[in-house]
Protein backbone atom coordinates (compact mmCIF):
# COMPACT_ATOMS: atom_id res chain seq x y z
CA UNK A 1 -0.31 -0.19 -0.09
CA UNK A 2 1.60 3.40 -0.96
CA UNK A 3 0.28 6.25 1.07
CA UNK A 4 0.62 9.69 -0.90
CA UNK A 5 3.23 12.02 0.92
CA UNK A 6 1.00 14.71 1.08
CA UNK A 7 -1.55 12.38 3.27
CA UNK A 8 1.57 11.57 5.72
CA UNK A 9 2.29 15.01 5.98
CA UNK A 10 -1.10 16.10 6.60
CA UNK A 11 -1.29 13.32 8.96
CA UNK A 12 1.78 14.65 11.00
CA UNK A 13 0.61 18.39 10.98
CA UNK A 14 -2.86 17.38 12.53
CA UNK A 15 -1.26 14.76 15.08
CA UNK A 16 0.23 16.08 18.22
CA UNK A 17 2.67 13.90 19.49
CA UNK A 18 2.47 14.82 23.29
CA UNK A 19 -1.82 14.10 23.07
CA UNK A 20 -0.78 10.52 21.27
CA UNK A 21 2.09 9.75 24.08
CA UNK A 22 0.15 10.90 27.03
CA UNK A 23 -2.51 8.32 26.30
CA UNK A 24 -0.02 5.55 27.45
CA UNK A 25 2.43 7.63 29.33
CA UNK A 26 2.16 9.66 32.20
CA UNK A 27 4.41 12.89 31.17
CA UNK A 28 5.91 15.64 32.96
CA UNK A 29 6.93 18.77 31.52
CA UNK A 30 10.83 19.43 32.24
CA UNK A 31 11.80 22.93 30.49
CA UNK A 32 10.66 22.69 26.77
CA UNK A 33 10.86 18.78 26.89
CA UNK A 34 8.36 16.26 28.62
CA UNK A 35 9.83 13.34 30.15
CA UNK A 36 8.38 9.80 31.70
CA UNK A 37 9.01 6.21 32.41
CA UNK A 38 9.70 4.22 29.00
CA UNK A 39 6.76 1.93 28.22
CA UNK A 40 9.00 -0.31 26.00
CA UNK A 41 11.89 -1.23 28.79
CA UNK A 42 11.85 -1.14 32.33
CA UNK A 43 12.99 1.55 34.60
CA UNK A 44 12.60 3.71 37.53
CA UNK A 45 13.86 7.04 36.64
CA UNK A 46 12.22 8.54 33.56
CA UNK A 47 14.50 8.63 30.49
CA UNK A 48 11.65 8.73 27.89
CA UNK A 49 11.54 12.13 26.56
CA UNK A 50 9.04 13.78 24.18
CA UNK A 51 10.29 16.86 22.28
CA UNK A 52 7.40 19.07 21.31
CA UNK A 53 8.99 21.32 18.93
CA UNK A 54 10.23 18.40 16.65
CA UNK A 55 7.23 16.11 17.34
CA UNK A 56 9.15 13.41 18.30
CA UNK A 57 10.38 11.17 21.12
CA UNK A 58 13.78 9.52 22.06
CA UNK A 59 14.53 6.98 25.18
CA UNK A 60 17.56 7.49 26.64
CA UNK A 61 17.74 4.31 28.62
CA UNK A 62 16.84 1.95 25.64
CA UNK A 63 17.68 4.18 22.61
CA UNK A 64 13.89 4.09 21.15
CA UNK A 65 12.97 7.09 19.02
CA UNK A 66 10.39 8.30 16.41
CA UNK A 67 7.73 10.56 15.51
CA UNK A 68 4.00 9.37 16.38
CA UNK A 69 3.86 6.76 13.70
CA UNK A 70 6.82 5.39 14.96
CA UNK A 71 5.34 5.25 18.66
CA UNK A 72 1.97 3.92 17.70
CA UNK A 73 3.78 1.21 15.47
CA UNK A 74 5.84 0.10 18.86
CA UNK A 75 3.22 0.78 21.38
CA UNK A 76 0.09 -1.04 19.83
CA UNK A 77 2.45 -3.69 17.87
CA UNK A 78 1.38 -2.79 14.66
CA UNK A 79 3.18 -2.26 10.87
CA UNK A 80 3.50 1.00 9.40
CA UNK A 81 0.49 0.86 7.45
CA UNK A 82 -1.92 0.08 10.46
CA UNK A 83 -0.36 2.85 12.63
CA UNK A 84 -1.26 5.41 9.67
CA UNK A 85 -4.79 4.08 9.89
CA UNK A 86 -4.70 4.02 13.55
CA UNK A 87 -3.68 8.00 13.75
CA UNK A 88 -5.65 8.75 10.77
CA UNK A 89 -9.05 7.77 12.35
CA UNK A 90 -7.88 9.38 15.58
CA UNK A 91 -7.50 12.73 13.89
CA UNK A 92 -10.71 12.10 11.49
CA UNK A 93 -8.62 12.01 8.49
CA UNK A 94 -9.51 9.73 5.60
CA UNK A 95 -7.25 7.81 3.81
CA UNK A 96 -7.80 8.08 -0.13
CA UNK A 97 -10.42 5.05 -0.97
CA UNK A 98 -7.95 4.36 -4.07
CA UNK A 99 -5.16 3.78 -1.37
CA UNK A 100 -7.05 1.62 0.63
CA UNK A 101 -7.94 -0.54 -2.30
CA UNK A 102 -4.94 -1.16 -3.11
CA UNK A 103 -3.48 -2.31 0.18
CA UNK A 104 -4.32 -6.33 -0.66
CA UNK A 105 -1.45 -6.41 -2.81
CA UNK A 106 1.15 -5.70 0.18
CA UNK A 107 3.37 -8.64 1.23
CA UNK A 108 2.15 -8.82 4.77
CA UNK A 109 -1.81 -8.34 3.68
CA UNK A 110 -1.98 -11.01 1.88
CA UNK A 111 -1.33 -13.28 4.79
CA UNK A 112 -3.78 -11.38 6.68
CA UNK A 113 -6.11 -12.05 3.72
CA UNK A 114 -5.33 -16.19 3.83
CA UNK A 115 -5.82 -16.39 7.54
CA UNK A 116 -9.08 -14.71 7.48
CA UNK A 117 -10.50 -16.80 4.88
CA UNK A 118 -8.93 -19.82 6.48
CA UNK A 119 -10.77 -18.61 9.94
CA UNK A 120 -14.34 -18.29 7.98
CA UNK A 121 -13.80 -21.07 6.30
CA UNK A 122 -13.12 -23.44 9.31
CA UNK A 123 -16.26 -21.66 11.41
CA UNK A 124 -18.44 -22.10 8.41
CA UNK A 125 -17.44 -26.08 8.43
CA UNK A 126 -18.51 -26.15 11.94
CA UNK A 127 -21.68 -24.77 11.81
CA UNK A 128 -22.63 -27.12 8.70
CA UNK A 129 -23.95 -30.83 9.11
CA UNK A 130 -20.47 -32.47 8.27
CA UNK A 131 -18.69 -30.22 10.91
CA UNK A 132 -21.53 -30.39 13.60
CA UNK A 133 -18.92 -32.76 15.83
CA UNK A 134 -16.63 -29.68 16.43
CA UNK A 135 -20.07 -27.62 17.62
CA UNK A 136 -21.26 -30.01 19.71
CA UNK A 137 -17.51 -30.56 21.57
CA UNK A 138 -17.73 -26.63 21.99
CA UNK A 139 -21.10 -26.63 23.49
CA UNK A 140 -20.49 -29.64 25.70
CA UNK A 141 -17.95 -27.57 27.09
CA UNK A 142 -20.37 -25.05 28.37
CA UNK A 143 -19.62 -22.43 25.35
CA UNK A 144 -22.54 -20.57 24.24
CA UNK A 145 -22.76 -19.71 20.38
CA UNK A 146 -22.30 -16.16 20.94
CA UNK A 147 -19.07 -16.54 22.20
CA UNK A 148 -18.38 -19.19 19.38
CA UNK A 149 -19.29 -16.38 17.03
CA UNK A 150 -17.30 -13.58 19.08
CA UNK A 151 -14.12 -15.79 18.70
CA UNK A 152 -15.11 -17.24 15.28
CA UNK A 153 -13.83 -20.43 16.41
CA UNK A 154 -13.94 -23.57 14.04
CA UNK A 155 -13.42 -27.02 13.09
CA UNK A 156 -10.99 -28.41 10.47
CA UNK A 157 -12.43 -31.14 7.99
CA UNK A 158 -10.46 -34.77 8.54
CA UNK A 159 -9.08 -34.21 4.84
CA UNK A 160 -5.84 -33.75 3.92
CA UNK A 161 -6.32 -30.35 1.35
CA UNK A 162 -9.57 -29.25 1.58
CA UNK A 163 -8.48 -25.72 2.98
CA UNK A 164 -6.07 -25.72 0.00
CA UNK A 165 -8.38 -26.22 -2.49
CA UNK A 166 -10.44 -23.53 -1.06
CA UNK A 167 -7.83 -20.98 -0.96
CA UNK A 168 -6.72 -21.93 -4.68
CA UNK A 169 -10.47 -21.38 -5.39
CA UNK A 170 -10.50 -18.04 -3.84
CA UNK A 171 -7.29 -17.16 -5.92
CA UNK A 172 -4.45 -17.20 -3.56
CA UNK A 173 -1.04 -19.30 -4.08
CA UNK A 174 0.59 -22.12 -2.65
CA UNK A 175 3.53 -20.46 -1.53
CA UNK A 176 1.85 -18.03 0.13
CA UNK A 177 -0.58 -20.42 2.27
CA UNK A 178 2.63 -21.97 3.63
CA UNK A 179 4.19 -18.61 4.28
CA UNK A 180 0.81 -18.24 6.50
CA UNK A 181 1.23 -21.31 8.21
CA UNK A 182 -2.25 -22.58 7.02
CA UNK A 183 -0.74 -25.57 4.80
CA UNK A 184 2.69 -27.43 4.69
CA UNK A 185 5.06 -29.04 2.21
CA UNK A 186 5.40 -32.16 3.29
CA UNK A 187 7.44 -35.22 1.09
CA UNK A 188 4.04 -36.30 0.13
CA UNK A 189 2.85 -32.82 -1.21
CA UNK A 190 1.12 -29.80 0.31
CA UNK A 191 -1.22 -30.53 3.01
CA UNK A 192 -3.40 -28.56 5.09
CA UNK A 193 -1.77 -27.94 8.46
CA UNK A 194 -5.06 -28.37 10.85
CA UNK A 195 -7.10 -31.72 10.21
CA UNK A 196 -9.94 -32.65 12.28
CA UNK A 197 -9.17 -30.04 14.93
CA UNK A 198 -10.72 -27.17 16.59
CA UNK A 199 -9.21 -24.05 15.10
CA UNK A 200 -8.80 -20.88 17.45
CA UNK A 201 -7.97 -17.51 15.61
CA UNK A 202 -5.32 -15.75 17.24
CA UNK A 203 -5.52 -11.77 16.29
CA UNK A 204 -2.54 -9.01 16.76
CA UNK A 205 -3.90 -5.99 18.65
CA UNK A 206 -5.60 -4.50 15.49
CA UNK A 207 -8.00 -7.72 15.64
CA UNK A 208 -6.17 -9.50 12.13
CA UNK A 209 -5.79 -12.75 12.22
CA UNK A 210 -2.19 -13.86 12.24
CA UNK A 211 -2.28 -17.49 13.54
CA UNK A 212 -4.11 -20.35 15.11
CA UNK A 213 -4.27 -22.73 17.73
CA UNK A 214 -5.62 -26.41 17.03
CA UNK A 215 -7.03 -28.72 19.49
CA UNK A 216 -8.04 -32.13 19.32
CA UNK A 217 -11.44 -33.03 20.67
CA UNK A 218 -10.70 -37.17 20.50
CA UNK A 219 -7.69 -37.29 22.60
CA UNK A 220 -5.16 -37.15 19.61
CA UNK A 221 -1.67 -36.07 21.20
CA UNK A 222 -0.67 -33.49 21.12
CA UNK A 223 -3.09 -31.86 22.78
CA UNK A 224 -2.65 -28.58 20.72
CA UNK A 225 -1.16 -27.77 17.16
CA UNK A 226 0.11 -23.90 16.83
CA UNK A 227 0.72 -22.03 13.90
CA UNK A 228 4.47 -21.82 13.53
CA UNK A 229 6.16 -18.22 13.25
CA UNK A 230 5.76 -16.53 10.13
CA UNK A 231 6.32 -13.05 8.72
CA UNK A 232 3.14 -11.46 10.78
CA UNK A 233 3.34 -13.69 14.10
CA UNK A 234 5.55 -14.07 16.62
CA UNK A 235 4.64 -16.67 19.40
CA UNK A 236 6.85 -14.82 22.12
CA UNK A 237 5.42 -11.47 20.95
CA UNK A 238 1.55 -11.56 21.16
CA UNK A 239 -0.97 -12.84 23.82
CA UNK A 240 -4.53 -14.38 22.94
CA UNK A 241 -7.20 -11.87 23.45
CA UNK A 242 -5.53 -8.84 24.18
CA UNK A 243 -7.10 -6.99 21.69
CA UNK A 244 -10.09 -6.94 23.48
CA UNK A 245 -8.80 -7.03 26.97
CA UNK A 246 -6.76 -3.73 25.93
CA UNK A 247 -10.30 -1.95 25.90
CA UNK A 248 -11.40 -3.46 29.12
CA UNK A 249 -11.94 -0.37 31.54
CA UNK A 250 -10.56 -3.05 34.48
CA UNK A 251 -7.49 -2.23 36.18
CA UNK A 252 -6.13 -5.53 36.11
CA UNK A 253 -5.64 -8.17 33.21
CA UNK A 254 -6.31 -11.77 33.95
CA UNK A 255 -3.32 -13.82 32.63
CA UNK A 256 -4.14 -17.78 32.07
CA UNK A 257 -2.47 -20.59 30.45
CA UNK A 258 -4.50 -21.66 27.71
CA UNK A 259 -6.93 -20.57 25.02
CA UNK A 260 -9.92 -22.05 26.13
CA UNK A 261 -9.59 -20.58 29.74
CA UNK A 262 -9.43 -16.94 28.43
CA UNK A 263 -12.63 -18.02 25.95
CA UNK A 264 -14.56 -19.26 28.85
CA UNK A 265 -13.52 -16.08 31.24
CA UNK A 266 -14.66 -13.78 28.13
CA UNK A 267 -17.91 -15.63 28.02
CA UNK A 268 -18.45 -15.18 31.83
CA UNK A 269 -17.72 -11.59 31.70
CA UNK A 270 -14.21 -11.15 32.46
CA UNK A 271 -13.10 -9.66 29.47
CA UNK A 272 -10.08 -8.47 30.48
CA UNK A 273 -8.30 -12.45 30.35
CA UNK A 274 -5.71 -12.92 27.93
CA UNK A 275 -3.63 -16.20 27.14
CA UNK A 276 -0.43 -17.25 26.08
CA UNK A 277 -0.04 -19.08 22.48
CA UNK A 278 1.56 -21.91 23.58
CA UNK A 279 5.06 -21.04 24.84
CA UNK A 280 6.75 -20.37 27.94
CA UNK A 281 5.71 -16.70 29.14
CA UNK A 282 8.39 -14.53 27.75
CA UNK A 283 9.73 -11.21 28.71
CA UNK A 284 8.17 -9.39 25.65
CA UNK A 285 4.69 -10.61 26.43
CA UNK A 286 5.25 -9.14 30.33
CA UNK A 287 6.28 -5.81 28.76
CA UNK A 288 3.35 -5.90 26.49
CA UNK A 289 1.49 -6.23 29.57
CA UNK A 290 2.95 -3.51 31.47
CA UNK A 291 1.52 -1.30 28.69
CA UNK A 292 -1.78 -1.90 29.67
CA UNK A 293 -1.79 -2.50 33.00
CA UNK A 294 0.32 -2.18 36.34
CA UNK A 295 -1.52 -5.48 37.80
CA UNK A 296 -1.69 -8.68 36.57
CA UNK A 297 -4.12 -11.83 38.06
CA UNK A 298 -1.99 -14.88 37.41
CA UNK A 299 -4.47 -17.62 36.88
CA UNK A 300 -2.54 -20.87 36.27
CA UNK A 301 -3.39 -24.75 36.48
CA UNK A 302 -3.44 -26.19 39.69
CA UNK A 303 -1.53 -29.03 38.25
CA UNK A 304 2.35 -29.37 38.98
CA UNK A 305 3.31 -28.18 35.42
CA UNK A 306 1.31 -24.75 35.98
CA UNK A 307 2.67 -24.17 39.57
CA UNK A 308 5.70 -24.50 37.84
CA UNK A 309 4.91 -22.21 35.22
CA UNK A 310 3.35 -19.50 37.88
CA UNK A 311 6.50 -19.37 39.65
CA UNK A 312 8.38 -18.60 36.81
CA UNK A 313 5.99 -16.13 35.63
CA UNK A 314 6.13 -14.40 39.37
CA UNK A 315 9.56 -14.00 38.80
CA UNK A 316 9.49 -12.04 35.26
CA UNK A 317 6.80 -9.74 36.55
CA UNK A 318 8.34 -8.87 39.93
CA UNK A 319 11.67 -8.24 37.86
CA UNK A 320 9.14 -5.89 35.90
CA UNK A 321 8.00 -3.82 38.81
CA UNK A 322 4.26 -5.01 38.01
CA UNK A 323 1.93 -5.79 41.02
CA UNK A 324 0.48 -9.39 41.09
CA UNK A 325 -2.13 -11.19 42.54
CA UNK A 326 -2.35 -15.07 42.83
CA UNK A 327 -5.71 -16.43 43.65
CA UNK A 328 -6.38 -19.45 45.35
CA UNK A 329 -8.21 -21.54 43.09
CA UNK A 330 -10.63 -24.71 44.20
CA UNK A 331 -13.69 -26.18 42.59
CA UNK A 332 -11.66 -27.41 39.49
CA UNK A 333 -8.17 -27.98 37.74
CA UNK A 334 -8.33 -24.58 35.69
CA UNK A 335 -10.57 -21.70 35.42
CA UNK A 336 -12.67 -23.27 32.57
CA UNK A 337 -13.61 -26.21 34.65
CA UNK A 338 -14.16 -23.77 37.94
CA UNK A 339 -16.31 -21.36 36.30
CA UNK A 340 -18.55 -24.62 35.10
CA UNK A 341 -18.39 -26.08 38.33
CA UNK A 342 -19.10 -23.26 40.61
CA UNK A 343 -20.28 -20.45 38.42
CA UNK A 344 -18.93 -16.72 37.69
CA UNK A 345 -19.80 -15.16 41.06
CA UNK A 346 -17.66 -17.46 43.03
CA UNK A 347 -14.47 -17.35 40.59
CA UNK A 348 -14.79 -13.56 40.73
CA UNK A 349 -14.60 -13.91 44.24
CA UNK A 350 -11.12 -15.86 44.16
CA UNK A 351 -9.93 -13.24 41.63
CA UNK A 352 -10.72 -10.47 43.67
CA UNK A 353 -10.04 -11.37 47.27
CA UNK A 354 -6.41 -13.06 45.81
CA UNK A 355 -3.32 -12.13 47.81
CA UNK A 356 -0.06 -10.91 46.22
CA UNK A 357 2.70 -13.22 45.08
CA UNK A 358 4.15 -13.25 48.45
CA UNK A 359 1.28 -13.56 50.32
CA UNK A 360 0.11 -16.52 48.09
CA UNK A 361 3.55 -18.34 48.88
CA UNK A 362 3.58 -17.32 52.46
CA UNK A 363 -0.18 -18.67 52.87
CA UNK A 364 1.02 -22.23 51.51
CA UNK A 365 3.64 -22.44 54.35
CA UNK A 366 0.72 -22.77 57.02
CA UNK A 367 -0.55 -25.65 55.46
CA UNK A 368 2.86 -26.99 54.52
CA UNK A 369 4.14 -27.73 58.36
CA UNK A 370 3.07 -28.66 61.42
CA UNK A 371 2.86 -25.44 63.68
CA UNK A 372 1.77 -27.53 66.94
CA UNK A 373 5.61 -27.96 66.93
CA UNK A 374 8.69 -25.82 67.39
CA UNK A 375 10.52 -27.32 64.69
CA UNK A 376 7.46 -26.55 62.57
CA UNK A 377 7.44 -23.21 63.14
CA UNK A 378 11.39 -23.00 62.35
CA UNK A 379 11.04 -24.56 59.24
CA UNK A 380 8.49 -22.09 58.27
CA UNK A 381 10.39 -19.04 59.44
CA UNK A 382 13.11 -20.27 57.61
CA UNK A 383 11.44 -20.75 53.89
CA UNK A 384 9.63 -17.64 54.68
CA UNK A 385 12.72 -15.79 55.08
CA UNK A 386 13.82 -17.10 51.47
CA UNK A 387 10.53 -15.67 49.87
CA UNK A 388 10.77 -12.07 51.78
CA UNK A 389 14.27 -11.97 50.16
CA UNK A 390 12.67 -10.82 47.13
CA UNK A 391 10.49 -8.34 48.79
CA UNK A 392 10.64 -4.51 49.92
CA UNK A 393 11.88 -3.22 53.41
CA UNK A 394 8.02 -2.35 53.80
CA UNK A 395 6.71 -5.25 52.69
CA UNK A 396 9.14 -7.46 54.76
CA UNK A 397 8.03 -5.55 57.69
CA UNK A 398 4.19 -6.01 56.93
CA UNK A 399 4.57 -9.53 56.88
CA UNK A 400 7.18 -10.31 59.83
CA UNK A 401 4.17 -8.70 61.97
CA UNK A 402 1.50 -10.85 60.32
CA UNK A 403 3.95 -13.96 60.67
CA UNK A 404 4.72 -12.98 64.48
CA UNK A 405 0.86 -12.90 65.22
CA UNK A 406 0.25 -16.19 63.40
CA UNK A 407 2.82 -18.16 65.16
CA UNK A 408 2.66 -16.37 68.57
CA UNK A 409 6.49 -15.19 68.25
CA UNK A 410 7.76 -12.14 69.61
CA UNK A 411 8.06 -9.77 66.83
CA UNK A 412 11.18 -8.15 67.38
CA UNK A 413 12.80 -11.66 68.11
CA UNK A 414 11.27 -12.96 64.77
CA UNK A 415 12.38 -9.85 63.05
CA UNK A 416 16.04 -10.25 64.26
CA UNK A 417 16.06 -13.81 63.15
CA UNK A 418 14.90 -12.93 59.65
CA UNK A 419 17.90 -10.70 59.20
CA UNK A 420 20.42 -13.23 60.09
CA UNK A 421 18.84 -15.48 57.32
CA UNK A 422 18.53 -12.83 55.08
C-alpha cells in the first residue's frame, strides 16, 4: 500500500505527539521537553523524552525513538500501514479510498487475508452438518453460540487438503498459504496444517488474524498444534485476546495458560482475560502487558506443570515492577472447569480477594508445616525468609508482623531471626 506523501504530511501536521503519547505514558514537563517512564523497557528513573518542537520522542535508556507513527507502531504492535490508519482515525482524516483498495497487494496483507479466509472457512464448516462434531464438542464444554461466533471458532475437516483447494478457488497462491502457516509442504506434497481439530484464531492488537491454535477433540496427541512463526506472527510477542482485553475498563489483566480458559472467562464477563500462545511466558509478553495494566492476576492451572509455570511468571513480573495477584483456586483444575462447576460469581470472589505473590507463597507454608511443633515453626520461618528476600523493606516488615501474630512469636525476636537469615 503506497500512501501519498501529501497525506502523511497532513497527518503529521494534525497529530500532536504529546496528546498521542500521554494516552499511554504519564508525562511531566521538564523545560521545553516532556519526560516519563519508558513504556518499552523497565526503568525506575524517567529517561523517555518527548520533544514537542520536533514532534518526536527518544528514550535515553533503551534507544527507542521516532515520530508519532513510530510510537504507535511500537506501542500497539502494528505495522506502518495500520499505525497510519490508527492515527488517521484518531485525527478524523480519511485515507484516499483508492489507496485502501491497493492494500491487498502488499506482502503482509496477503497473509492477513489468507488467515481471515481460513478462519471463516473453518467456522462455516463447523456450523455445517459435516462439522457438527466440533460444534457439539464446544457446546458440551459450556460455550454459547454467541461466544463461538465472537471468537470465530471453527473445526477443520478430516481431509488432507480441503482448505488448500478452497484457498486456491479464492485466488491465493500455495506459496503464500505456506508462508501464512495454514498449509505445509511435506514429502507427500502440500497438505492442510490443521485436520480434525478445533481452530482458534489468534489475532494481533488490531484484530487481524495472524495465526491459529488447533485443539484435538478426541484425545489425539499432541493436544494442541499451533501455527509456526511467520512474517506476521511471533509466538513470544503476543497474547491471545489482548486485542479485546486492552480495551477493558478494568484495572487488572487476568493471565491464564490456555485459549479455552480465556474464552470461558470472556463468556463469564471477564473481558480482561488473556492467554499465552503455546509457549512459556516471555519477557516481551510481560512488557506488552505492562503497557496496558500495572496489575496482573495470574490464574494458572492447579497441576504441577501449572504451578511451576506460575513461579517462573512471578519472577518475570516482579522483575518488571508489575503488581501481581495470585488467587487461591478450588473447584476445578483450571479456570474453565471452576467457572463451569462453581459459577462466575464464586470465581470472581477468588480473583478479587487474591493476595499478592508473597502472600500467596507464605499462605501455603501454614499448610505445609506442623505449626503445633517448634520445629514446624522454625521450618516455616526459614522458608518464609527465602520468600521475603525478594520483598521490599516495607513488605518485609508487614509480613513479619503478620507471621509474628500467626505463630505467636515475639515480633522483634522474629525480625532479628529474619535479619540473620536474609
